[in-house]
Amino acid sequence: LHHMYNVIEAGMLAETGLNTWMPIASAANFAQFGACLAVGLKVKNQKTKSVAIPSSMSAALGITEPAIFGVNMRFFKPFICGMIGGAVGALLAAFMGFGATAYGVTGIPGYLTVSNPVMYTIVLAIAGGIAFAGTWMFWKEEEKKKAPAAPAEQIKVPEQTVISCSAGVVKAPSNGEVIARDDIEDETFASGVLGDGVGIRPSAGYVVAPFDGEITSVADSKHAIGLSTPSGMELLIHVGVDTVAMNGDGFDPQVAEGDQVKAGQLILNFDIDKIKAAGHPDTVVVLLTNADDYDDVKCGVQ
């Protein structure tokens, strides 16, 4: 849409030799830079920071889409502060009456064509400064409020170690018959390409945390959960074979990514009958995915 201004700017250059629209547009762009930069410097969320800082640099060079759509409009107040700063800067640029000798560049690259670099600097500083200050004062990062967690349900599972190495031990996460990795009904798991471990033919439809640690992933299809220990062990618990095709039907995770869990805490309920009715083996696959990091991995009931 903004390319239509090229026609207006070309007319200005043809008639007066000066493109007075360019500093007005630059004020708007630089204000969005200031607002986005304030978000990037103030925000604590590292993911947001990693988007906001580069996006602000892009806006300073005249490409504002990442800053506007990726950051400022998302949080709203920075976008409004950017609009206010841009309006003040644009008004100042219009009163000053200077312009550029070409079109197509704004922001910092605009210095290549601007007729009065000093006035241009003042306009950018005011537009960007107002937007930055407004965002810094009036925008606050919203903290996600978590509902008070209910007491973690503990399930009684036989205290048997199924995987061990120098970094720790993995208790059986489910009741049932423990089988060798080679006997798992899937070549990918049985081959060990995803890690070393065991299978469990479950006698009940639940999975508990096999150690104290952190939930690192929960599959969108709810049938697999990743965990890790402070010592560095990385575990995958995969319920059933090819159960990703069930799209979560019959699976009910009790945890989310980032949760801290205790050994024996319930982390997943699953419906054995639904898995079998769908034609899939119900084997609970337990794999130490970073087994290659250790020389003393032992798998099986110990």
C-alpha atoms as a PDB file:
ATOM      1  CA  LEU A   1       0.000   0.000   0.000  1.00  0.00           C
ATOM      2  CA  HIS A   2       2.765   2.449   0.905  1.00  0.00           C
ATOM      3  CA  HIS A   3       4.249   2.155  -2.591  1.00  0.00           C
ATOM      4  CA  MET A   4       1.511   4.493  -3.822  1.00  0.00           C
ATOM      5  CA  TYR A   5       3.430   7.306  -2.130  1.00  0.00           C
ATOM      6  CA  ASN A   6       6.131   6.880  -4.763  1.00  0.00           C
ATOM      7  CA  VAL A   7       3.819   8.623  -7.228  1.00  0.00           C
ATOM      8  CA  ILE A   8       3.340  11.558  -4.862  1.00  0.00           C
ATOM      9  CA  GLU A   9       7.059  11.768  -4.134  1.00  0.00           C
ATOM     10  CA  ALA A  10       7.937  11.617  -7.818  1.00  0.00           C
ATOM     11  CA  GLY A  11       5.542  14.516  -8.438  1.00  0.00           C
ATOM     12  CA  MET A  12       7.168  16.555  -5.661  1.00  0.00           C
ATOM     13  CA  LEU A  13      10.623  15.972  -7.087  1.00  0.00           C
ATOM     14  CA  ALA A  14       9.491  16.873 -10.593  1.00  0.00           C
ATOM     15  CA  GLU A  15       7.797  20.083  -9.453  1.00  0.00           C
ATOM     16  CA  THR A  16      10.050  21.411  -6.675  1.00  0.00           C
ATOM     17  CA  GLY A  17      13.090  19.136  -6.640  1.00  0.00           C
ATOM     18  CA  LEU A  18      12.404  18.322  -2.986  1.00  0.00           C
ATOM     19  CA  ASN A  19      10.589  15.322  -1.515  1.00  0.00           C
ATOM     20  CA  THR A  20       9.056  16.694   1.699  1.00  0.00           C
ATOM     21  CA  TRP A  21       7.150  13.470   2.355  1.00  0.00           C
ATOM     22  CA  MET A  22      10.303  11.484   3.137  1.00  0.00           C
ATOM     23  CA  PRO A  23      11.083  13.049   6.574  1.00  0.00           C
ATOM     24  CA  ILE A  24       7.417  12.650   7.558  1.00  0.00           C
ATOM     25  CA  ALA A  25       7.535   8.944   6.702  1.00  0.00           C
ATOM     26  CA  SER A  26      10.884   8.600   8.439  1.00  0.00           C
ATOM     27  CA  ALA A  27       9.434  10.074  11.628  1.00  0.00           C
ATOM     28  CA  ALA A  28       6.708   7.424  11.627  1.00  0.00           C
ATOM     29  CA  ASN A  29       9.209   4.638  10.983  1.00  0.00           C
ATOM     30  CA  PHE A  30      11.679   5.818  13.594  1.00  0.00           C
ATOM     31  CA  ALA A  31       8.951   6.141  16.193  1.00  0.00           C
ATOM     32  CA  GLN A  32       8.069   2.474  15.712  1.00  0.00           C
ATOM     33  CA  PHE A  33      11.787   1.751  16.098  1.00  0.00           C
ATOM     34  CA  GLY A  34      11.839   3.586  19.436  1.00  0.00           C
ATOM     35  CA  ALA A  35       8.777   1.772  20.750  1.00  0.00           C
ATOM     36  CA  CYS A  36      10.068  -1.633  19.660  1.00  0.00           C
ATOM     37  CA  LEU A  37      13.507  -0.964  21.135  1.00  0.00           C
ATOM     38  CA  ALA A  38      11.920  -0.064  24.474  1.00  0.00           C
ATOM     39  CA  VAL A  39      10.071  -3.377  24.483  1.00  0.00           C
ATOM     40  CA  GLY A  40      13.271  -5.246  23.639  1.00  0.00           C
ATOM     41  CA  LEU A  41      15.245  -3.609  26.433  1.00  0.00           C
ATOM     42  CA  LYS A  42      12.488  -3.837  29.048  1.00  0.00           C
ATOM     43  CA  VAL A  43      11.015  -7.274  28.441  1.00  0.00           C
ATOM     44  CA  LYS A  44      12.292 -10.229  30.473  1.00  0.00           C
ATOM     45  CA  ASN A  45      10.978 -12.968  28.211  1.00  0.00           C
ATOM     46  CA  GLN A  46      13.997 -14.029  26.158  1.00  0.00           C
ATOM     47  CA  LYS A  47      11.920 -15.143  23.182  1.00  0.00           C
ATOM     48  CA  THR A  48      10.231 -11.748  22.929  1.00  0.00           C
ATOM     49  CA  LYS A  49      13.554  -9.974  23.440  1.00  0.00           C
ATOM     50  CA  SER A  50      15.158 -11.974  20.619  1.00  0.00           C
ATOM     51  CA  VAL A  51      12.392 -10.771  18.291  1.00  0.00           C
ATOM     52  CA  ALA A  52      12.104  -7.164  19.473  1.00  0.00           C
ATOM     53  CA  ILE A  53      15.770  -6.121  19.321  1.00  0.00           C
ATOM     54  CA  PRO A  54      16.407  -7.225  15.694  1.00  0.00           C
ATOM     55  CA  SER A  55      12.989  -5.900  14.652  1.00  0.00           C
ATOM     56  CA  SER A  56      13.814  -2.477  16.074  1.00  0.00           C
ATOM     57  CA  MET A  57      17.068  -2.401  14.110  1.00  0.00           C
ATOM     58  CA  SER A  58      15.126  -3.237  10.969  1.00  0.00           C
ATOM     59  CA  ALA A  59      12.704  -0.376  11.668  1.00  0.00           C
ATOM     60  CA  ALA A  60      15.602   2.042  12.116  1.00  0.00           C
ATOM     61  CA  LEU A  61      16.689   1.111   8.596  1.00  0.00           C
ATOM     62  CA  GLY A  62      13.212   1.742   7.190  1.00  0.00           C
ATOM     63  CA  ILE A  63      11.653  -1.739   7.267  1.00  0.00           C
ATOM     64  CA  THR A  64       8.999  -1.519   9.960  1.00  0.00           C
ATOM     65  CA  GLU A  65       6.835  -4.600   9.340  1.00  0.00           C
ATOM     66  CA  PRO A  66       8.683  -6.866  11.835  1.00  0.00           C
ATOM     67  CA  ALA A  67       8.483  -4.204  14.547  1.00  0.00           C
ATOM     68  CA  ILE A  68       4.860  -3.250  13.901  1.00  0.00           C
ATOM     69  CA  PHE A  69       3.311  -6.659  13.359  1.00  0.00           C
ATOM     70  CA  GLY A  70       5.719  -8.787  15.387  1.00  0.00           C
ATOM     71  CA  VAL A  71       6.009  -6.631  18.492  1.00  0.00           C
ATOM     72  CA  ASN A  72       4.234  -3.271  18.757  1.00  0.00           C
ATOM     73  CA  MET A  73       0.744  -4.234  17.598  1.00  0.00           C
ATOM     74  CA  ARG A  74       0.997  -7.443  19.583  1.00  0.00           C
ATOM     75  CA  PHE A  75       1.363  -5.474  22.830  1.00  0.00           C
ATOM     76  CA  PHE A  76      -0.769  -2.528  21.599  1.00  0.00           C
ATOM     77  CA  LYS A  77       0.561   0.208  23.912  1.00  0.00           C
ATOM     78  CA  PRO A  78       3.960   0.325  22.151  1.00  0.00           C
ATOM     79  CA  PHE A  79       2.117   0.747  18.843  1.00  0.00           C
ATOM     80  CA  ILE A  80       0.088   3.662  20.238  1.00  0.00           C
ATOM     81  CA  CYS A  81       3.244   5.258  21.655  1.00  0.00           C
ATOM     82  CA  GLY A  82       4.859   4.811  18.249  1.00  0.00           C
ATOM     83  CA  MET A  83       1.924   6.554  16.584  1.00  0.00           C
ATOM     84  CA  ILE A  84       2.148   9.472  19.013  1.00  0.00           C
ATOM     85  CA  GLY A  85       5.891   9.840  18.551  1.00  0.00           C
ATOM     86  CA  GLY A  86       5.509   9.564  14.784  1.00  0.00           C
ATOM     87  CA  ALA A  87       2.785  12.222  14.732  1.00  0.00           C
ATOM     88  CA  VAL A  88       4.883  14.711  16.716  1.00  0.00           C
ATOM     89  CA  GLY A  89       7.955  14.045  14.587  1.00  0.00           C
ATOM     90  CA  ALA A  90       5.977  14.298  11.350  1.00  0.00           C
ATOM     91  CA  LEU A  91       4.410  17.597  12.436  1.00  0.00           C
ATOM     92  CA  LEU A  92       7.848  18.989  13.243  1.00  0.00           C
ATOM     93  CA  ALA A  93       9.212  17.827   9.885  1.00  0.00           C
ATOM     94  CA  ALA A  94       6.323  19.502   8.066  1.00  0.00           C
ATOM     95  CA  PHE A  95       6.919  22.828   9.842  1.00  0.00           C
ATOM     96  CA  MET A  96      10.669  22.696   9.177  1.00  0.00           C
ATOM     97  CA  GLY A  97       9.998  22.393   5.469  1.00  0.00           C
ATOM     98  CA  PHE A  98      13.011  20.308   4.495  1.00  0.00           C
ATOM     99  CA  GLY A  99      13.005  17.142   2.419  1.00  0.00           C
ATOM    100  CA  ALA A 100      14.997  14.668   0.361  1.00  0.00           C
ATOM    101  CA  THR A 101      16.376  14.737  -3.151  1.00  0.00           C
ATOM    102  CA  ALA A 102      15.122  11.235  -3.955  1.00  0.00           C
ATOM    103  CA  TYR A 103      12.578   8.687  -2.746  1.00  0.00           C
ATOM    104  CA  GLY A 104      12.621   5.068  -1.662  1.00  0.00           C
ATOM    105  CA  VAL A 105      14.684   5.283   1.523  1.00  0.00           C
ATOM    106  CA  THR A 106      13.716   6.290   5.063  1.00  0.00           C
ATOM    107  CA  GLY A 107      15.192   6.009   8.533  1.00  0.00           C
ATOM    108  CA  ILE A 108      18.968   5.947   8.834  1.00  0.00           C
ATOM    109  CA  PRO A 109      19.561   5.334   5.078  1.00  0.00           C
ATOM    110  CA  GLY A 110      17.623   8.578   4.514  1.00  0.00           C
ATOM    111  CA  TYR A 111      20.766  10.529   5.385  1.00  0.00           C
ATOM    112  CA  LEU A 112      21.980   9.694   1.883  1.00  0.00           C
ATOM    113  CA  THR A 113      19.324  11.910   0.287  1.00  0.00           C
ATOM    114  CA  VAL A 114      18.076  14.339   2.960  1.00  0.00           C
ATOM    115  CA  SER A 115      18.563  18.046   2.297  1.00  0.00           C
ATOM    116  CA  ASN A 116      19.181  19.042   5.921  1.00  0.00           C
ATOM    117  CA  PRO A 117      20.858  16.335   8.023  1.00  0.00           C
ATOM    118  CA  VAL A 118      20.701  18.386  11.244  1.00  0.00           C
ATOM    119  CA  MET A 119      16.945  18.919  11.081  1.00  0.00           C
ATOM    120  CA  TYR A 120      16.515  15.310  10.026  1.00  0.00           C
ATOM    121  CA  THR A 121      18.416  14.170  13.121  1.00  0.00           C
ATOM    122  CA  ILE A 122      16.215  16.328  15.350  1.00  0.00           C
ATOM    123  CA  VAL A 123      13.036  14.881  13.817  1.00  0.00           C
ATOM    124  CA  LEU A 124      14.211  11.283  14.234  1.00  0.00           C
ATOM    125  CA  ALA A 125      15.401  11.892  17.790  1.00  0.00           C
ATOM    126  CA  ILE A 126      12.106  13.465  18.849  1.00  0.00           C
ATOM    127  CA  ALA A 127       9.915  10.856  17.140  1.00  0.00           C
ATOM    128  CA  GLY A 128      11.944   7.913  18.389  1.00  0.00           C
ATOM    129  CA  GLY A 129      12.509   9.436  21.819  1.00  0.00           C
ATOM    130  CA  ILE A 130       8.833  10.095  22.519  1.00  0.00           C
ATOM    131  CA  ALA A 131       7.879   6.590  21.416  1.00  0.00           C
ATOM    132  CA  PHE A 132      10.668   5.031  23.476  1.00  0.00           C
ATOM    133  CA  ALA A 133       9.868   7.039  26.608  1.00  0.00           C
ATOM    134  CA  GLY A 134       6.129   6.446  26.308  1.00  0.00           C
ATOM    135  CA  THR A 135       6.571   2.713  25.879  1.00  0.00           C
ATOM    136  CA  TRP A 136       9.046   2.497  28.726  1.00  0.00           C
ATOM    137  CA  MET A 137       6.702   4.342  31.104  1.00  0.00           C
ATOM    138  CA  PHE A 138       3.294   2.985  30.140  1.00  0.00           C
ATOM    139  CA  TRP A 139       3.898  -0.536  28.845  1.00  0.00           C
ATOM    140  CA  LYS A 140       4.412  -3.350  31.304  1.00  0.00           C
ATOM    141  CA  GLU A 141       5.145  -6.961  30.484  1.00  0.00           C
ATOM    142  CA  GLU A 142       2.238  -9.115  31.548  1.00  0.00           C
ATOM    143  CA  GLU A 143       3.197 -12.034  33.722  1.00  0.00           C
ATOM    144  CA  LYS A 144       1.333 -15.234  33.105  1.00  0.00           C
ATOM    145  CA  LYS A 145      -0.725 -16.034  36.150  1.00  0.00           C
ATOM    146  CA  LYS A 146      -0.839 -19.668  37.021  1.00  0.00           C
ATOM    147  CA  ALA A 147      -3.714 -21.105  38.967  1.00  0.00           C
ATOM    148  CA  PRO A 148      -2.689 -22.701  42.259  1.00  0.00           C
ATOM    149  CA  ALA A 149      -1.617 -26.226  41.463  1.00  0.00           C
ATOM    150  CA  ALA A 150      -3.546 -29.059  43.005  1.00  0.00           C
ATOM    151  CA  PRO A 151      -1.498 -31.494  45.061  1.00  0.00           C
ATOM    152  CA  ALA A 152       0.284 -33.841  42.651  1.00  0.00           C
ATOM    153  CA  GLU A 153      -1.338 -37.247  42.599  1.00  0.00           C
ATOM    154  CA  GLN A 154       1.003 -40.035  43.598  1.00  0.00           C
ATOM    155  CA  ILE A 155       0.571 -43.491  42.085  1.00  0.00           C
ATOM    156  CA  LYS A 156       2.003 -46.651  43.584  1.00  0.00           C
ATOM    157  CA  VAL A 157       4.409 -48.239  41.116  1.00  0.00           C
ATOM    158  CA  PRO A 158       6.827 -51.068  41.922  1.00  0.00           C
ATOM    159  CA  GLU A 159      10.186 -49.629  42.953  1.00  0.00           C
ATOM    160  CA  GLN A 160      12.196 -51.211  40.172  1.00  0.00           C
ATOM    161  CA  THR A 161      14.994 -49.564  38.238  1.00  0.00           C
ATOM    162  CA  VAL A 162      14.784 -50.092  34.476  1.00  0.00           C
ATOM    163  CA  ILE A 163      17.642 -47.850  33.285  1.00  0.00           C
ATOM    164  CA  SER A 164      20.789 -46.819  35.112  1.00  0.00           C
ATOM    165  CA  CYS A 165      24.013 -44.982  34.357  1.00  0.00           C
ATOM    166  CA  SER A 166      26.550 -42.800  36.114  1.00  0.00           C
ATOM    167  CA  ALA A 167      24.138 -39.842  35.988  1.00  0.00           C
ATOM    168  CA  GLY A 168      21.344 -41.609  37.865  1.00  0.00           C
ATOM    169  CA  VAL A 169      18.593 -44.187  37.645  1.00  0.00           C
ATOM    170  CA  VAL A 170      15.210 -44.414  35.934  1.00  0.00           C
ATOM    171  CA  LYS A 171      12.415 -46.160  37.805  1.00  0.00           C
ATOM    172  CA  ALA A 172       9.639 -47.969  35.951  1.00  0.00           C
ATOM    173  CA  PRO A 173       7.085 -45.276  35.005  1.00  0.00           C
ATOM    174  CA  SER A 174       4.233 -47.751  34.663  1.00  0.00           C
ATOM    175  CA  ASN A 175       3.045 -51.055  36.110  1.00  0.00           C
ATOM    176  CA  GLY A 176       3.466 -54.051  33.861  1.00  0.00           C
ATOM    177  CA  GLU A 177       5.879 -56.502  32.284  1.00  0.00           C
ATOM    178  CA  VAL A 178       9.260 -55.005  31.422  1.00  0.00           C
ATOM    179  CA  ILE A 179      10.593 -56.156  28.039  1.00  0.00           C
ATOM    180  CA  ALA A 180      13.905 -55.598  26.267  1.00  0.00           C
ATOM    181  CA  ARG A 181      14.229 -52.733  23.832  1.00  0.00           C
ATOM    182  CA  ASP A 182      14.782 -55.245  21.020  1.00  0.00           C
ATOM    183  CA  ASP A 183      11.310 -56.700  21.658  1.00  0.00           C
ATOM    184  CA  ILE A 184       9.441 -53.419  21.201  1.00  0.00           C
ATOM    185  CA  GLU A 185       7.005 -53.724  18.290  1.00  0.00           C
ATOM    186  CA  ASP A 186       8.569 -50.916  16.276  1.00  0.00           C
ATOM    187  CA  GLU A 187      11.853 -51.008  14.382  1.00  0.00           C
ATOM    188  CA  THR A 188      12.714 -47.389  15.135  1.00  0.00           C
ATOM    189  CA  PHE A 189      12.535 -47.957  18.886  1.00  0.00           C
ATOM    190  CA  ALA A 190      13.951 -51.497  18.764  1.00  0.00           C
ATOM    191  CA  SER A 191      16.990 -50.441  16.729  1.00  0.00           C
ATOM    192  CA  GLY A 192      18.138 -47.989  19.380  1.00  0.00           C
ATOM    193  CA  VAL A 193      18.358 -45.083  16.946  1.00  0.00           C
ATOM    194  CA  LEU A 194      16.342 -42.924  19.371  1.00  0.00           C
ATOM    195  CA  GLY A 195      18.192 -44.094  22.462  1.00  0.00           C
ATOM    196  CA  ASP A 196      18.579 -47.081  24.747  1.00  0.00           C
ATOM    197  CA  GLY A 197      15.920 -48.321  27.111  1.00  0.00           C
ATOM    198  CA  VAL A 198      13.082 -50.767  27.654  1.00  0.00           C
ATOM    199  CA  GLY A 199       9.436 -51.369  26.911  1.00  0.00           C
ATOM    200  CA  ILE A 200       6.660 -52.008  29.412  1.00  0.00           C
ATOM    201  CA  ARG A 201       3.489 -53.910  28.581  1.00  0.00           C
ATOM    202  CA  PRO A 202       1.179 -51.971  30.894  1.00  0.00           C
ATOM    203  CA  SER A 203      -1.323 -53.466  33.269  1.00  0.00           C
ATOM    204  CA  ALA A 204      -2.867 -50.066  34.051  1.00  0.00           C
ATOM    205  CA  GLY A 205      -3.400 -46.882  32.053  1.00  0.00           C
ATOM    206  CA  TYR A 206      -1.125 -44.394  33.696  1.00  0.00           C
ATOM    207  CA  VAL A 207       2.446 -43.114  33.598  1.00  0.00           C
ATOM    208  CA  VAL A 208       4.303 -41.612  36.544  1.00  0.00           C
ATOM    209  CA  ALA A 209       7.507 -39.614  36.711  1.00  0.00           C
ATOM    210  CA  PRO A 210      10.428 -42.063  36.928  1.00  0.00           C
ATOM    211  CA  PHE A 211      12.610 -39.546  38.776  1.00  0.00           C
ATOM    212  CA  ASP A 212      12.665 -36.016  40.144  1.00  0.00           C
ATOM    213  CA  GLY A 213      13.083 -33.704  37.185  1.00  0.00           C
ATOM    214  CA  GLU A 214      11.525 -31.405  34.610  1.00  0.00           C
ATOM    215  CA  ILE A 215       8.999 -31.971  31.829  1.00  0.00           C
ATOM    216  CA  THR A 216      10.809 -30.897  28.667  1.00  0.00           C
ATOM    217  CA  SER A 217       8.093 -31.689  26.135  1.00  0.00           C
ATOM    218  CA  VAL A 218       4.543 -32.933  25.766  1.00  0.00           C
ATOM    219  CA  ALA A 219       3.591 -34.106  22.274  1.00  0.00           C
ATOM    220  CA  ASP A 220       0.681 -32.312  20.623  1.00  0.00           C
ATOM    221  CA  SER A 221      -0.881 -35.750  20.184  1.00  0.00           C
ATOM    222  CA  LYS A 222      -0.446 -36.259  23.961  1.00  0.00           C
ATOM    223  CA  HIS A 223       1.017 -39.765  23.637  1.00  0.00           C
ATOM    224  CA  ALA A 224       4.647 -38.913  24.421  1.00  0.00           C
ATOM    225  CA  ILE A 225       6.396 -36.953  27.148  1.00  0.00           C
ATOM    226  CA  GLY A 226      10.015 -35.862  27.462  1.00  0.00           C
ATOM    227  CA  LEU A 227      11.743 -35.441  30.821  1.00  0.00           C
ATOM    228  CA  SER A 228      15.190 -34.507  32.084  1.00  0.00           C
ATOM    229  CA  THR A 229      17.096 -34.628  35.360  1.00  0.00           C
ATOM    230  CA  PRO A 230      19.345 -31.933  36.851  1.00  0.00           C
ATOM    231  CA  SER A 231      22.274 -34.283  36.192  1.00  0.00           C
ATOM    232  CA  GLY A 232      21.556 -34.253  32.453  1.00  0.00           C
ATOM    233  CA  MET A 233      19.664 -37.468  31.752  1.00  0.00           C
ATOM    234  CA  GLU A 234      17.117 -37.014  28.946  1.00  0.00           C
ATOM    235  CA  LEU A 235      14.207 -39.439  28.801  1.00  0.00           C
ATOM    236  CA  LEU A 236      11.397 -40.120  26.352  1.00  0.00           C
ATOM    237  CA  ILE A 237       8.265 -41.945  27.468  1.00  0.00           C
ATOM    238  CA  HIS A 238       6.201 -42.953  24.443  1.00  0.00           C
ATOM    239  CA  VAL A 239       2.883 -44.710  25.060  1.00  0.00           C
ATOM    240  CA  GLY A 240       1.978 -47.232  22.383  1.00  0.00           C
ATOM    241  CA  VAL A 241       3.314 -47.775  18.884  1.00  0.00           C
ATOM    242  CA  ASP A 242       2.153 -45.486  16.050  1.00  0.00           C
ATOM    243  CA  THR A 243      -0.273 -43.892  18.503  1.00  0.00           C
ATOM    244  CA  VAL A 244       0.485 -40.468  17.036  1.00  0.00           C
ATOM    245  CA  ALA A 245      -2.227 -41.422  14.532  1.00  0.00           C
ATOM    246  CA  MET A 246      -4.801 -41.314  17.341  1.00  0.00           C
ATOM    247  CA  ASN A 247      -4.428 -37.512  17.528  1.00  0.00           C
ATOM    248  CA  GLY A 248      -4.637 -37.465  21.301  1.00  0.00           C
ATOM    249  CA  ASP A 249      -7.779 -39.581  21.628  1.00  0.00           C
ATOM    250  CA  GLY A 250      -7.426 -41.692  24.753  1.00  0.00           C
ATOM    251  CA  PHE A 251      -4.546 -39.687  26.245  1.00  0.00           C
ATOM    252  CA  ASP A 252      -4.778 -37.198  29.109  1.00  0.00           C
ATOM    253  CA  PRO A 253      -1.494 -35.527  30.158  1.00  0.00           C
ATOM    254  CA  GLN A 254      -1.412 -34.243  33.723  1.00  0.00           C
ATOM    255  CA  VAL A 255       1.609 -31.993  33.205  1.00  0.00           C
ATOM    256  CA  ALA A 256       2.855 -29.297  30.837  1.00  0.00           C
ATOM    257  CA  GLU A 257       6.248 -28.382  29.420  1.00  0.00           C
ATOM    258  CA  GLY A 258       8.402 -26.752  32.081  1.00  0.00           C
ATOM    259  CA  ASP A 259       6.691 -28.402  35.053  1.00  0.00           C
ATOM    260  CA  GLN A 260       8.848 -29.768  37.851  1.00  0.00           C
ATOM    261  CA  VAL A 261       7.845 -33.283  38.892  1.00  0.00           C
ATOM    262  CA  LYS A 262       8.669 -35.712  41.672  1.00  0.00           C
ATOM    263  CA  ALA A 263       9.298 -39.426  41.277  1.00  0.00           C
ATOM    264  CA  GLY A 264       5.987 -41.281  41.392  1.00  0.00           C
ATOM    265  CA  GLN A 265       3.914 -38.240  40.403  1.00  0.00           C
ATOM    266  CA  LEU A 266       1.159 -38.949  37.872  1.00  0.00           C
ATOM    267  CA  ILE A 267       2.043 -37.363  34.532  1.00  0.00           C
ATOM    268  CA  LEU A 268      -0.222 -39.140  32.022  1.00  0.00           C
ATOM    269  CA  ASN A 269      -3.433 -41.160  31.906  1.00  0.00           C
ATOM    270  CA  PHE A 270      -4.160 -43.301  28.856  1.00  0.00           C
ATOM    271  CA  ASP A 271      -6.899 -45.674  27.738  1.00  0.00           C
ATOM    272  CA  ILE A 272      -5.465 -49.120  27.012  1.00  0.00           C
ATOM    273  CA  ASP A 273      -8.713 -50.317  25.427  1.00  0.00           C
ATOM    274  CA  LYS A 274      -8.810 -47.399  22.975  1.00  0.00           C
ATOM    275  CA  ILE A 275      -5.204 -48.018  21.941  1.00  0.00           C
ATOM    276  CA  LYS A 276      -5.903 -51.682  21.273  1.00  0.00           C
ATOM    277  CA  ALA A 277      -9.191 -50.895  19.510  1.00  0.00           C
ATOM    278  CA  ALA A 278      -7.275 -48.592  17.169  1.00  0.00           C
ATOM    279  CA  GLY A 279      -5.020 -51.526  16.289  1.00  0.00           C
ATOM    280  CA  HIS A 280      -1.868 -50.322  18.034  1.00  0.00           C
ATOM    281  CA  PRO A 281       0.384 -52.131  20.521  1.00  0.00           C
ATOM    282  CA  ASP A 282       0.048 -50.500  23.946  1.00  0.00           C
ATOM    283  CA  THR A 283       3.713 -50.884  24.925  1.00  0.00           C
ATOM    284  CA  VAL A 284       5.064 -48.004  26.996  1.00  0.00           C
ATOM    285  CA  VAL A 285       8.467 -47.191  25.502  1.00  0.00           C
ATOM    286  CA  VAL A 286      11.045 -45.771  27.926  1.00  0.00           C
ATOM    287  CA  LEU A 287      14.214 -44.477  26.262  1.00  0.00           C
ATOM    288  CA  LEU A 288      17.286 -42.640  27.509  1.00  0.00           C
ATOM    289  CA  THR A 289      17.665 -40.465  24.406  1.00  0.00           C
ATOM    290  CA  ASN A 290      21.166 -39.256  25.270  1.00  0.00           C
ATOM    291  CA  ALA A 291      22.477 -42.711  26.144  1.00  0.00           C
ATOM    292  CA  ASP A 292      25.492 -42.091  23.903  1.00  0.00           C
ATOM    293  CA  ASP A 293      26.715 -39.562  26.466  1.00  0.00           C
ATOM    294  CA  TYR A 294      27.348 -42.360  28.970  1.00  0.00           C
ATOM    295  CA  ASP A 295      29.556 -45.446  28.848  1.00  0.00           C
ATOM    296  CA  ASP A 296      27.793 -47.411  31.581  1.00  0.00           C
ATOM    297  CA  VAL A 297      24.119 -47.498  30.577  1.00  0.00           C
ATOM    298  CA  LYS A 298      22.280 -50.588  31.808  1.00  0.00           C
ATOM    299  CA  CYS A 299      18.743 -51.399  30.724  1.00  0.00           C
ATOM    300  CA  GLY A 300      16.291 -53.890  32.184  1.00  0.00           C
ATOM    301  CA  VAL A 301      14.940 -54.674  35.641  1.00  0.00           C
ATOM    302  CA  GLN A 302      17.721 -54.143  38.186  1.00  0.00           C
END
